[in-house]
Amino acid sequence: MSDIIFPNIPTNELIPLFQLEFGSSAYAGLPNQVSLIIGQTTNNASDNAPSLIPNTAWAANNWGPRSVIASMAERYLGADPYGQLWGLGVADNGAGAAATGSIVVSGTATAAGTLNLYIAGRYVPVAVNIGDTAGAVMSNAAAAINLYLDSSLVNRYQARIGDKGVKLPLTASASGGPPATTLNLTASHKGTLGNAINIALNYFASQNQEVTPAGLTVVITAMSGGTTDPLTNGFAAALGNTAYDFICMPWATTQALLDFKNLMLDATGRWSWAEQIYGHVWTARTSADNSGSDALSFASGSYADDQHMTCVQCEFSVPSTQWDIAATYMAASAASLRADPALPLQTLYLPSLMAPRRHQEFTFAVKQELLAAGVALMNYAPDRSCSILRAVTTYTINPFGSPDASYRDTETLYTSMAVVRQLKADCLAKFSRAKLASNGYAFGKGKIATPKSIRAQIIASYRGMEKAGLVENVTGFANGLVVQRNSLDATRVDVLFDPNYVSGLRVLANLVQFSLR
């Protein structure tokens, strides 16, 4: 048996009797999995670095209650209240334009009721009395829109910054006169995000007593005209070397997808051997139609073929904004993936999101095509609540242009993160300060590693991962494991690590073969 190695007590210590020192096994613990949201502010300022978000009220105060990022924070904390959330605020592009839309009301109310407006997936009721003219209704609607305040998710744990919540991402002003009055709507941000702000009337329809009061006619003009988003190529410096395992950004544009793809690259980005930071990007987009053709065209772009990106595709008529969908989808996923990265995300509930109307959902056939093309989707319950259908990545084709399903599901990337981090932690704990020798020699003293001892440690680490439900078939893994000393560098050991990940149960196919007797 070799001698025990003491870091500080010398071997020639002569003073009796009892000497003691503390040491550690140099265990590199697994990191806390942190989330980051990136979005536009309304204070026209960009952050130099992310800030910790304690609650929604702080986000609304810091970035503005009508800001994209404050709304993202509210939706994220509603779905993952115990995760650590950081935010990076981005100013509008000064060269951009804000989207605009309108609501035109004509007539005079002959019955009392409510104008049931849904703006950006949030309910804005406008009271209507008998005899109210279009002008009166629109003045009340403008006030309801501008004064709207969602304080339901202000507090993460307790009130700390007062009762300030999230407002609508647009403002309203009434204009015109009899017989019609126009409510002009202007997005709070410049850029393309404003084009996807949904304006709906009587979303739940007559079965939920949502009808326009008699005597009034309402015509909605969709938001449009928003141009030029903020630049997205400078986030690497702001993020630095800090690990953010969950990164949510709202711009599902060609340039934004390319910039974030470069940020995460296996060769030179956060997944590279040199950085080993890892993480995954989440976003969402609203389709230009409900046929699926626009979504399929988007998915076919080479910029979208990225295993480190999950993009949720929404129907054209979905009331919730794409930034709220992206933040909620990521939050619900983060809460599950932190607990078990290999557990499928399907069926996870997405709080506060609103589904499209039943007749405007993607069909079963279109959903099949979209998942195969690399866009994630939501599922909708009869009560119009939302859940995750399947969280696929945008990766569908390998570098040689051939179809490739190896990175289809987002869970695969988080399982990879968990496996390599565990392997690194175990190896650092065992070999952080060791000498290296070849196999076959008997050493009586010293902390000496050999390819054989390193191999044994890797197999032990893999066995632990198998017990944790991340990998399987430790025997097959051991047979394929290669650990050898580098022939050119005597201080280096090369390892061929070939894990077999546990798969998620995605499809339970049944064939019912019955007979009549």
Protein backbone atom coordinates (compact mmCIF):
# COMPACT_ATOMS: atom_id res chain seq x y z
CA MET A 1 0.00 0.00 0.00
CA SER A 2 1.34 3.44 -0.94
CA ASP A 3 1.84 6.20 1.64
CA ILE A 4 -0.87 8.77 2.30
CA ILE A 5 0.08 12.09 0.79
CA PHE A 6 -0.26 15.13 3.11
CA PRO A 7 -0.32 18.53 1.36
CA ASN A 8 1.41 20.34 4.26
CA ILE A 9 2.57 18.04 7.10
CA PRO A 10 6.14 17.07 6.18
CA THR A 11 7.25 13.45 6.19
CA ASN A 12 10.12 14.30 8.59
CA GLU A 13 7.87 15.89 11.24
CA LEU A 14 9.36 15.03 14.69
CA ILE A 15 7.25 16.87 17.29
CA PRO A 16 4.85 14.52 19.16
CA LEU A 17 2.01 13.56 19.16
CA PHE A 18 -1.06 14.51 17.20
CA GLN A 19 -0.83 16.61 14.03
CA LEU A 20 -3.84 17.43 11.88
CA GLU A 21 -4.54 19.40 8.73
CA PHE A 22 -7.58 19.98 6.56
CA GLY A 23 -7.69 19.45 2.85
CA SER A 24 -10.22 19.02 0.14
CA SER A 25 -10.65 16.62 -2.72
CA ALA A 26 -10.65 19.57 -5.13
CA TYR A 27 -14.22 18.75 -6.07
CA ALA A 28 -15.50 21.15 -8.68
CA GLY A 29 -19.22 21.30 -7.87
CA LEU A 30 -21.80 21.52 -10.61
CA PRO A 31 -22.84 25.13 -11.38
CA ASN A 32 -26.11 26.76 -10.44
CA GLN A 33 -28.15 26.83 -13.65
CA VAL A 34 -28.98 30.48 -14.23
CA SER A 35 -31.51 32.01 -16.65
CA LEU A 36 -31.06 35.20 -18.68
CA ILE A 37 -33.65 37.23 -20.56
CA ILE A 38 -32.66 39.82 -23.16
CA GLY A 39 -35.15 42.41 -24.36
CA GLN A 40 -35.82 46.01 -25.28
CA THR A 41 -36.26 48.71 -22.66
CA THR A 42 -38.37 51.86 -22.80
CA ASN A 43 -35.75 54.04 -21.09
CA ASN A 44 -33.68 54.12 -24.29
CA ALA A 45 -30.62 52.68 -22.56
CA SER A 46 -28.65 49.48 -23.06
CA ASP A 47 -27.11 47.59 -20.16
CA ASN A 48 -23.40 46.87 -20.15
CA ALA A 49 -23.93 43.67 -18.19
CA PRO A 50 -26.85 41.55 -16.95
CA SER A 51 -28.59 42.41 -13.66
CA LEU A 52 -30.20 40.06 -11.16
CA ILE A 53 -34.01 40.34 -11.26
CA PRO A 54 -35.52 39.93 -7.76
CA ASN A 55 -39.13 40.40 -8.89
CA THR A 56 -41.36 41.88 -11.58
CA ALA A 57 -41.68 45.23 -9.81
CA TRP A 58 -37.90 45.68 -9.95
CA ALA A 59 -37.90 44.89 -13.68
CA ALA A 60 -40.75 47.34 -14.36
CA ASN A 61 -39.00 50.09 -12.39
CA ASN A 62 -35.60 49.44 -13.95
CA TRP A 63 -36.53 48.99 -17.62
CA GLY A 64 -40.00 50.55 -17.82
CA PRO A 65 -43.46 48.99 -17.24
CA ARG A 66 -44.18 48.92 -20.99
CA SER A 67 -40.85 47.36 -21.89
CA VAL A 68 -40.46 44.01 -23.58
CA ILE A 69 -37.98 42.84 -20.94
CA ALA A 70 -40.26 43.71 -18.00
CA SER A 71 -43.05 41.67 -19.57
CA MET A 72 -40.63 38.79 -20.17
CA ALA A 73 -39.56 38.94 -16.52
CA GLU A 74 -43.16 38.80 -15.34
CA ARG A 75 -43.98 35.78 -17.50
CA TYR A 76 -40.74 34.01 -16.62
CA LEU A 77 -41.19 34.40 -12.87
CA GLY A 78 -44.78 33.25 -13.19
CA ALA A 79 -43.63 29.91 -14.62
CA ASP A 80 -40.35 29.50 -12.70
CA PRO A 81 -40.62 31.47 -9.43
CA TYR A 82 -37.64 29.77 -7.76
CA GLY A 83 -35.08 29.95 -10.55
CA GLN A 84 -32.34 32.57 -10.57
CA LEU A 85 -33.20 35.13 -13.28
CA TRP A 86 -30.98 37.82 -14.78
CA GLY A 87 -31.84 40.42 -17.41
CA LEU A 88 -29.98 42.38 -20.08
CA GLY A 89 -31.79 45.50 -21.30
CA VAL A 90 -31.34 46.70 -24.89
CA ALA A 91 -32.22 50.13 -26.29
CA ASP A 92 -34.26 50.60 -29.45
CA ASN A 93 -32.45 51.08 -32.72
CA GLY A 94 -32.68 54.80 -33.33
CA ALA A 95 -33.13 54.23 -37.06
CA GLY A 96 -36.21 52.08 -36.51
CA ALA A 97 -39.91 52.83 -36.60
CA ALA A 98 -42.65 51.81 -34.16
CA ALA A 99 -45.56 49.67 -35.31
CA THR A 100 -49.02 51.20 -35.40
CA GLY A 101 -52.58 49.91 -35.58
CA SER A 102 -56.08 51.13 -34.87
CA ILE A 103 -59.52 50.33 -33.56
CA VAL A 104 -62.45 52.09 -35.23
CA VAL A 105 -65.81 52.23 -33.46
CA SER A 106 -68.98 53.58 -35.01
CA GLY A 107 -72.59 53.90 -33.86
CA THR A 108 -74.26 54.44 -30.50
CA ALA A 109 -74.77 51.74 -27.88
CA THR A 110 -78.39 50.63 -27.57
CA ALA A 111 -77.56 48.12 -24.84
CA ALA A 112 -75.16 48.11 -21.92
CA GLY A 113 -72.25 45.70 -21.96
CA THR A 114 -68.51 45.40 -22.27
CA LEU A 115 -66.09 45.91 -25.11
CA ASN A 116 -63.89 42.86 -24.54
CA LEU A 117 -60.48 43.82 -25.87
CA TYR A 118 -57.47 41.49 -25.72
CA ILE A 119 -54.18 43.29 -26.38
CA ALA A 120 -50.88 41.39 -26.37
CA GLY A 121 -52.67 38.47 -24.71
CA ARG A 122 -53.96 40.59 -21.82
CA TYR A 123 -57.61 41.30 -21.10
CA VAL A 124 -58.65 44.96 -21.28
CA PRO A 125 -62.40 45.36 -20.56
CA VAL A 126 -64.13 48.62 -21.51
CA ALA A 127 -67.51 49.34 -19.87
CA VAL A 128 -70.28 50.49 -22.22
CA ASN A 129 -73.53 52.14 -21.11
CA ILE A 130 -76.75 52.64 -23.06
CA GLY A 131 -76.45 55.76 -25.15
CA ASP A 132 -72.65 55.83 -25.24
CA THR A 133 -71.46 57.27 -28.51
CA ALA A 134 -68.47 55.94 -30.43
CA GLY A 135 -66.45 58.88 -29.16
CA ALA A 136 -67.28 58.10 -25.54
CA VAL A 137 -66.48 54.41 -25.99
CA MET A 138 -63.13 55.22 -27.58
CA SER A 139 -62.21 57.72 -24.88
CA ASN A 140 -62.93 55.06 -22.27
CA ALA A 141 -60.99 52.48 -24.29
CA ALA A 142 -57.98 54.78 -24.55
CA ALA A 143 -58.01 55.28 -20.79
CA ALA A 144 -58.35 51.54 -20.14
CA ILE A 145 -55.42 50.75 -22.43
CA ASN A 146 -53.13 53.46 -21.12
CA LEU A 147 -53.94 52.82 -17.46
CA TYR A 148 -53.78 49.03 -17.67
CA LEU A 149 -51.51 47.60 -14.98
CA ASP A 150 -50.90 43.91 -14.34
CA SER A 151 -49.68 43.67 -10.77
CA SER A 152 -50.69 40.02 -10.29
CA LEU A 153 -47.08 38.83 -10.54
CA VAL A 154 -45.31 41.84 -9.06
CA ASN A 155 -43.89 39.98 -6.09
CA ARG A 156 -41.60 37.04 -6.39
CA TYR A 157 -41.47 36.33 -2.68
CA GLN A 158 -42.71 39.53 -1.07
CA ALA A 159 -43.38 43.16 -1.96
CA ARG A 160 -40.14 45.11 -1.92
CA ILE A 161 -40.44 47.95 -4.38
CA GLY A 162 -44.05 49.02 -4.18
CA ASP A 163 -47.08 48.09 -6.23
CA LYS A 164 -45.74 48.56 -9.73
CA GLY A 165 -46.41 46.03 -12.45
CA VAL A 166 -46.36 45.54 -16.20
CA LYS A 167 -48.34 47.70 -18.62
CA LEU A 168 -49.33 47.05 -22.22
CA PRO A 169 -46.55 47.33 -24.84
CA LEU A 170 -48.39 50.16 -26.63
CA THR A 171 -50.25 53.40 -26.02
CA ALA A 172 -53.60 54.61 -27.35
CA SER A 173 -55.05 57.96 -28.39
CA ALA A 174 -58.59 58.62 -29.66
CA SER A 175 -59.16 60.84 -32.68
CA GLY A 176 -61.86 61.67 -35.21
CA GLY A 177 -65.54 62.28 -34.65
CA PRO A 178 -69.08 61.18 -35.52
CA PRO A 179 -70.13 58.88 -37.03
CA ALA A 180 -66.82 57.03 -36.43
CA THR A 181 -64.01 57.42 -33.96
CA THR A 182 -60.52 55.98 -34.32
CA LEU A 183 -58.36 54.68 -31.52
CA ASN A 184 -54.75 55.00 -32.69
CA LEU A 185 -52.35 52.42 -31.25
CA THR A 186 -48.57 52.89 -31.20
CA ALA A 187 -46.07 50.29 -30.01
CA SER A 188 -43.85 51.33 -27.12
CA HIS A 189 -40.78 50.08 -29.02
CA LYS A 190 -39.29 50.62 -32.41
CA GLY A 191 -38.67 47.47 -34.43
CA THR A 192 -40.43 44.41 -35.80
CA LEU A 193 -41.66 43.09 -32.44
CA GLY A 194 -44.50 45.60 -32.45
CA ASN A 195 -45.90 44.06 -35.63
CA ALA A 196 -46.74 40.89 -33.68
CA ILE A 197 -48.80 42.61 -30.96
CA ASN A 198 -52.18 40.96 -31.35
CA ILE A 199 -55.36 43.04 -31.02
CA ALA A 200 -58.49 40.91 -30.59
CA LEU A 201 -62.14 41.51 -29.73
CA ASN A 202 -64.37 39.00 -27.93
CA TYR A 203 -61.72 36.30 -27.87
CA PHE A 204 -63.87 33.83 -25.96
CA ALA A 205 -66.94 34.68 -28.08
CA SER A 206 -70.59 34.27 -27.23
CA GLN A 207 -70.22 30.98 -25.35
CA ASN A 208 -68.48 33.03 -22.65
CA GLN A 209 -70.87 35.97 -22.98
CA GLU A 210 -68.35 38.05 -24.92
CA VAL A 211 -70.35 40.04 -27.45
CA THR A 212 -70.08 43.59 -28.71
CA PRO A 213 -72.84 45.77 -27.18
CA ALA A 214 -75.71 46.31 -29.60
CA GLY A 215 -75.53 49.45 -31.71
CA LEU A 216 -71.74 49.49 -31.94
CA THR A 217 -69.54 48.31 -34.80
CA VAL A 218 -65.84 47.67 -34.26
CA VAL A 219 -63.15 47.33 -36.93
CA ILE A 220 -59.57 46.45 -35.97
CA THR A 221 -56.51 47.20 -38.09
CA ALA A 222 -53.61 44.94 -37.15
CA MET A 223 -50.32 46.36 -35.95
CA SER A 224 -47.77 46.88 -38.72
CA GLY A 225 -44.99 49.16 -39.91
CA GLY A 226 -42.44 48.37 -37.20
CA THR A 227 -38.92 48.26 -38.66
CA THR A 228 -35.25 47.87 -37.71
CA ASP A 229 -34.52 45.92 -34.55
CA PRO A 230 -31.58 46.52 -32.20
CA LEU A 231 -28.22 45.06 -33.21
CA THR A 232 -27.66 41.62 -31.69
CA ASN A 233 -24.01 40.98 -32.49
CA GLY A 234 -22.48 42.46 -29.35
CA PHE A 235 -23.88 40.30 -26.56
CA ALA A 236 -20.76 38.13 -26.17
CA ALA A 237 -18.95 40.98 -24.41
CA ALA A 238 -21.89 41.71 -22.10
CA LEU A 239 -22.25 38.04 -21.10
CA GLY A 240 -18.53 37.55 -20.63
CA ASN A 241 -17.55 34.16 -19.20
CA THR A 242 -20.60 33.87 -16.96
CA ALA A 243 -22.61 30.72 -17.55
CA TYR A 244 -26.27 31.23 -18.45
CA ASP A 245 -27.79 27.84 -19.18
CA PHE A 246 -31.09 29.37 -20.30
CA ILE A 247 -30.94 32.42 -22.59
CA CYS A 248 -34.17 33.95 -23.94
CA MET A 249 -34.23 36.58 -26.67
CA PRO A 250 -37.34 37.92 -28.47
CA TRP A 251 -36.10 38.56 -32.02
CA ALA A 252 -36.58 35.52 -34.29
CA THR A 253 -35.12 37.36 -37.28
CA THR A 254 -32.45 36.14 -39.67
CA GLN A 255 -29.76 38.38 -38.22
CA ALA A 256 -30.60 37.66 -34.58
CA LEU A 257 -30.60 33.91 -35.19
CA LEU A 258 -27.24 34.13 -36.94
CA ASP A 259 -25.72 36.25 -34.18
CA PHE A 260 -26.87 33.92 -31.42
CA LYS A 261 -25.81 30.90 -33.46
CA ASN A 262 -22.30 32.37 -33.60
CA LEU A 263 -22.43 33.08 -29.86
CA MET A 264 -23.02 29.39 -29.08
CA LEU A 265 -20.81 27.70 -31.74
CA ASP A 266 -19.14 24.39 -30.90
CA ALA A 267 -15.89 25.50 -32.54
CA THR A 268 -15.46 29.07 -31.30
CA GLY A 269 -18.45 29.95 -29.12
CA ARG A 270 -19.73 29.13 -25.65
CA TRP A 271 -19.83 25.40 -26.49
CA SER A 272 -16.22 25.31 -27.67
CA TRP A 273 -13.42 23.37 -25.98
CA ALA A 274 -11.76 26.65 -25.07
CA GLU A 275 -14.78 28.22 -23.34
CA GLN A 276 -16.84 25.28 -22.01
CA ILE A 277 -19.59 27.66 -20.86
CA TYR A 278 -22.47 25.95 -22.68
CA GLY A 279 -26.10 27.11 -22.44
CA HIS A 280 -29.06 27.16 -24.82
CA VAL A 281 -31.02 29.94 -26.57
CA TRP A 282 -34.82 30.16 -26.63
CA THR A 283 -36.98 32.40 -28.80
CA ALA A 284 -40.38 32.45 -30.50
CA ARG A 285 -42.00 33.86 -33.60
CA THR A 286 -45.51 34.53 -34.85
CA SER A 287 -46.38 33.06 -38.23
CA ALA A 288 -47.64 35.27 -41.03
CA ASP A 289 -50.45 32.76 -41.67
CA ASN A 290 -52.04 29.68 -40.12
CA SER A 291 -51.39 27.37 -43.09
CA GLY A 292 -47.86 26.63 -41.93
CA SER A 293 -46.23 27.76 -45.18
CA ASP A 294 -44.60 30.80 -43.61
CA ALA A 295 -43.34 28.74 -40.68
CA LEU A 296 -41.91 26.06 -42.99
CA SER A 297 -40.22 28.71 -45.09
CA PHE A 298 -38.65 30.14 -41.94
CA ALA A 299 -37.48 26.72 -40.76
CA SER A 300 -35.79 25.99 -44.07
CA GLY A 301 -33.30 28.83 -43.67
CA SER A 302 -29.73 27.70 -43.08
CA TYR A 303 -29.38 30.29 -40.30
CA ALA A 304 -31.98 28.36 -38.31
CA ASP A 305 -30.09 25.02 -38.36
CA ASP A 306 -28.69 25.26 -34.86
CA GLN A 307 -28.73 22.62 -32.12
CA HIS A 308 -28.29 25.34 -29.50
CA MET A 309 -31.50 27.15 -30.45
CA THR A 310 -35.14 26.34 -29.65
CA CYS A 311 -37.62 28.52 -31.54
CA VAL A 312 -41.32 28.24 -30.68
CA GLN A 313 -43.55 28.71 -33.71
CA CYS A 314 -46.90 30.36 -32.95
CA GLU A 315 -50.02 30.60 -35.07
CA PHE A 316 -50.80 33.93 -36.67
CA SER A 317 -53.78 34.55 -34.38
CA VAL A 318 -52.16 33.61 -31.06
CA PRO A 319 -53.02 36.48 -28.66
CA SER A 320 -49.87 36.35 -26.52
CA THR A 321 -46.75 38.13 -27.76
CA GLN A 322 -43.81 36.16 -29.04
CA TRP A 323 -41.57 37.50 -26.25
CA ASP A 324 -44.04 36.40 -23.55
CA ILE A 325 -44.30 32.98 -25.21
CA ALA A 326 -40.53 32.58 -25.43
CA ALA A 327 -39.99 33.60 -21.78
CA THR A 328 -42.77 31.36 -20.46
CA TYR A 329 -41.73 28.38 -22.59
CA MET A 330 -38.15 28.68 -21.39
CA ALA A 331 -39.17 29.19 -17.75
CA ALA A 332 -41.36 26.10 -17.61
CA SER A 333 -38.61 24.11 -19.33
CA ALA A 334 -35.90 25.45 -17.00
CA ALA A 335 -37.80 24.38 -13.88
CA SER A 336 -37.96 20.82 -15.24
CA LEU A 337 -34.49 20.62 -16.80
CA ARG A 338 -32.76 21.75 -13.62
CA ALA A 339 -34.39 18.85 -11.79
CA ASP A 340 -33.79 16.26 -14.52
CA PRO A 341 -32.27 17.27 -17.87
CA ALA A 342 -33.29 14.02 -19.56
CA LEU A 343 -36.97 14.15 -18.60
CA PRO A 344 -39.16 15.09 -21.63
CA LEU A 345 -40.68 18.56 -21.56
CA GLN A 346 -43.90 17.60 -23.32
CA THR A 347 -47.18 18.45 -21.51
CA LEU A 348 -45.56 21.07 -19.22
CA TYR A 349 -48.11 23.77 -18.44
CA LEU A 350 -47.42 27.30 -19.73
CA PRO A 351 -49.19 29.72 -17.37
CA SER A 352 -50.74 33.02 -18.52
CA LEU A 353 -50.42 32.26 -22.25
CA MET A 354 -53.46 32.34 -24.51
CA ALA A 355 -54.08 29.85 -27.30
CA PRO A 356 -55.35 30.81 -30.75
CA ARG A 357 -58.99 30.23 -31.53
CA ARG A 358 -59.79 26.58 -32.25
CA HIS A 359 -60.38 27.01 -35.96
CA GLN A 360 -57.09 28.89 -36.34
CA GLU A 361 -54.73 26.26 -34.90
CA PHE A 362 -52.17 24.46 -37.04
CA THR A 363 -53.58 21.17 -38.26
CA PHE A 364 -52.17 17.82 -37.15
CA ALA A 365 -50.41 17.40 -40.51
CA VAL A 366 -48.87 20.88 -40.34
CA LYS A 367 -47.64 20.26 -36.79
CA GLN A 368 -45.92 17.08 -37.96
CA GLU A 369 -44.18 18.99 -40.75
CA LEU A 370 -43.14 21.83 -38.47
CA LEU A 371 -41.63 19.58 -35.82
CA ALA A 372 -39.69 17.73 -38.51
CA ALA A 373 -38.50 21.10 -39.87
CA GLY A 374 -37.10 22.14 -36.49
CA VAL A 375 -39.57 24.46 -34.79
CA ALA A 376 -40.99 23.84 -31.33
CA LEU A 377 -44.75 23.96 -30.79
CA MET A 378 -47.38 24.43 -28.13
CA ASN A 379 -50.41 22.27 -27.42
CA TYR A 380 -53.82 23.71 -26.54
CA ALA A 381 -56.43 22.35 -24.14
CA PRO A 382 -60.21 22.77 -24.60
CA ASP A 383 -60.14 25.61 -22.05
CA ARG A 384 -57.55 27.32 -24.33
CA SER A 385 -54.70 26.92 -21.84
CA CYS A 386 -51.28 26.17 -23.29
CA SER A 387 -48.64 23.50 -22.73
CA ILE A 388 -45.49 22.26 -24.45
CA LEU A 389 -46.15 19.89 -27.35
CA ARG A 390 -42.50 19.14 -28.13
CA ALA A 391 -39.42 21.29 -27.58
CA VAL A 392 -37.31 20.54 -30.65
CA THR A 393 -34.23 22.50 -31.70
CA THR A 394 -33.78 24.12 -35.10
CA TYR A 395 -31.11 21.54 -35.99
CA THR A 396 -32.25 19.18 -38.75
CA ILE A 397 -29.30 18.86 -41.17
CA ASN A 398 -25.69 17.95 -40.42
CA PRO A 399 -22.69 19.86 -41.86
CA PHE A 400 -22.68 17.51 -44.87
CA GLY A 401 -26.24 18.42 -45.82
CA SER A 402 -27.82 15.14 -44.74
CA PRO A 403 -30.90 14.89 -42.48
CA ASP A 404 -29.83 14.36 -38.88
CA ALA A 405 -32.07 13.75 -35.84
CA SER A 406 -29.29 13.47 -33.26
CA TYR A 407 -29.96 16.95 -31.84
CA ARG A 408 -33.69 17.02 -32.50
CA ASP A 409 -34.83 17.41 -28.90
CA THR A 410 -33.72 20.22 -26.61
CA GLU A 411 -33.36 17.80 -23.70
CA THR A 412 -30.41 16.17 -25.49
CA LEU A 413 -28.37 19.36 -25.16
CA TYR A 414 -29.14 19.74 -21.47
CA THR A 415 -28.30 16.07 -20.90
CA SER A 416 -24.97 16.71 -22.64
CA MET A 417 -24.32 19.68 -20.34
CA ALA A 418 -25.07 17.60 -17.25
CA VAL A 419 -22.91 14.67 -18.38
CA VAL A 420 -19.81 16.62 -19.36
CA ARG A 421 -19.98 18.81 -16.26
CA GLN A 422 -20.28 15.77 -14.02
CA LEU A 423 -17.38 14.10 -15.79
CA LYS A 424 -15.26 17.23 -15.42
CA ALA A 425 -16.14 17.59 -11.72
CA ASP A 426 -15.28 13.95 -10.97
CA CYS A 427 -11.99 14.07 -12.87
CA LEU A 428 -10.94 17.35 -11.24
CA ALA A 429 -11.73 15.92 -7.83
CA LYS A 430 -9.49 12.94 -8.51
CA PHE A 431 -6.69 14.29 -10.70
CA SER A 432 -6.47 18.07 -10.24
CA ARG A 433 -2.87 17.82 -8.95
CA ALA A 434 -1.50 14.48 -10.01
CA LYS A 435 1.59 13.10 -11.69
CA LEU A 436 1.19 11.01 -14.83
CA ALA A 437 2.79 7.68 -15.60
CA SER A 438 2.17 4.83 -17.99
CA ASN A 439 0.34 1.63 -17.06
CA GLY A 440 2.18 -1.34 -15.57
CA TYR A 441 4.42 0.24 -12.98
CA ALA A 442 4.16 -0.12 -9.20
CA PHE A 443 4.62 3.18 -7.40
CA GLY A 444 4.95 3.24 -3.64
CA LYS A 445 4.53 6.95 -3.09
CA GLY A 446 2.88 9.97 -4.65
CA LYS A 447 -0.37 10.94 -6.31
CA ILE A 448 0.20 9.29 -9.66
CA ALA A 449 -2.39 8.85 -12.36
CA THR A 450 -2.18 6.33 -15.17
CA PRO A 451 -4.41 5.77 -18.19
CA LYS A 452 -5.76 2.74 -16.34
CA SER A 453 -6.67 4.70 -13.20
CA ILE A 454 -8.19 7.50 -15.28
CA ARG A 455 -10.24 4.93 -17.17
CA ALA A 456 -11.47 3.46 -13.89
CA GLN A 457 -12.51 6.89 -12.66
CA ILE A 458 -14.40 7.68 -15.87
CA ILE A 459 -16.28 4.38 -15.68
CA ALA A 460 -17.14 5.06 -12.03
CA SER A 461 -18.38 8.52 -12.98
CA TYR A 462 -20.47 7.04 -15.79
CA ARG A 463 -21.95 4.49 -13.39
CA GLY A 464 -23.03 7.34 -11.14
CA MET A 465 -24.68 9.08 -14.09
CA GLU A 466 -26.46 5.84 -14.92
CA LYS A 467 -27.90 5.72 -11.41
CA ALA A 468 -29.02 9.32 -11.88
CA GLY A 469 -30.95 8.32 -15.01
CA LEU A 470 -28.85 10.32 -17.49
CA VAL A 471 -27.10 7.48 -19.34
CA GLU A 472 -27.46 3.72 -19.77
CA ASN A 473 -25.45 0.56 -20.57
CA VAL A 474 -22.32 1.07 -18.50
CA THR A 475 -20.93 -2.24 -19.79
CA GLY A 476 -21.22 -1.20 -23.41
CA PHE A 477 -19.77 2.20 -22.55
CA ALA A 478 -16.75 0.60 -20.85
CA ASN A 479 -16.13 -1.60 -23.88
CA GLY A 480 -16.01 1.44 -26.15
CA LEU A 481 -14.05 3.73 -23.81
CA VAL A 482 -10.52 4.53 -24.98
CA VAL A 483 -8.01 6.16 -22.60
CA GLN A 484 -4.43 6.51 -23.81
CA ARG A 485 -1.34 8.60 -23.27
CA ASN A 486 -0.66 11.06 -26.06
CA SER A 487 2.31 9.97 -28.18
CA LEU A 488 3.61 13.52 -28.69
CA ASP A 489 2.88 15.10 -25.29
CA ALA A 490 3.90 13.09 -22.24
CA THR A 491 1.74 15.26 -19.96
CA ARG A 492 -1.49 14.63 -21.87
CA VAL A 493 -4.05 11.79 -21.81
CA ASP A 494 -6.56 11.44 -24.64
CA VAL A 495 -10.03 10.02 -24.01
CA LEU A 496 -12.69 8.77 -26.42
CA PHE A 497 -15.87 9.23 -24.38
CA ASP A 498 -18.91 7.62 -26.02
CA PRO A 499 -21.96 7.92 -23.72
CA ASN A 500 -25.35 6.39 -24.40
CA TYR A 501 -27.95 8.92 -23.26
CA VAL A 502 -31.29 7.85 -21.83
CA SER A 503 -34.00 8.72 -24.36
CA GLY A 504 -37.30 10.41 -23.63
CA LEU A 505 -40.51 8.53 -24.33
CA ARG A 506 -41.98 10.53 -27.19
CA VAL A 507 -44.41 8.24 -28.99
CA LEU A 508 -46.41 5.31 -27.64
CA ALA A 509 -47.73 3.66 -30.78
CA ASN A 510 -50.54 1.12 -30.46
CA LEU A 511 -51.88 -1.29 -33.04
CA VAL A 512 -55.34 -2.56 -32.11
CA GLN A 513 -56.08 -5.79 -34.00
CA PHE A 514 -59.56 -6.87 -33.10
CA SER A 515 -61.74 -9.70 -34.34
CA LEU A 516 -65.45 -10.41 -34.24
CA ARG A 517 -66.60 -13.84 -32.98
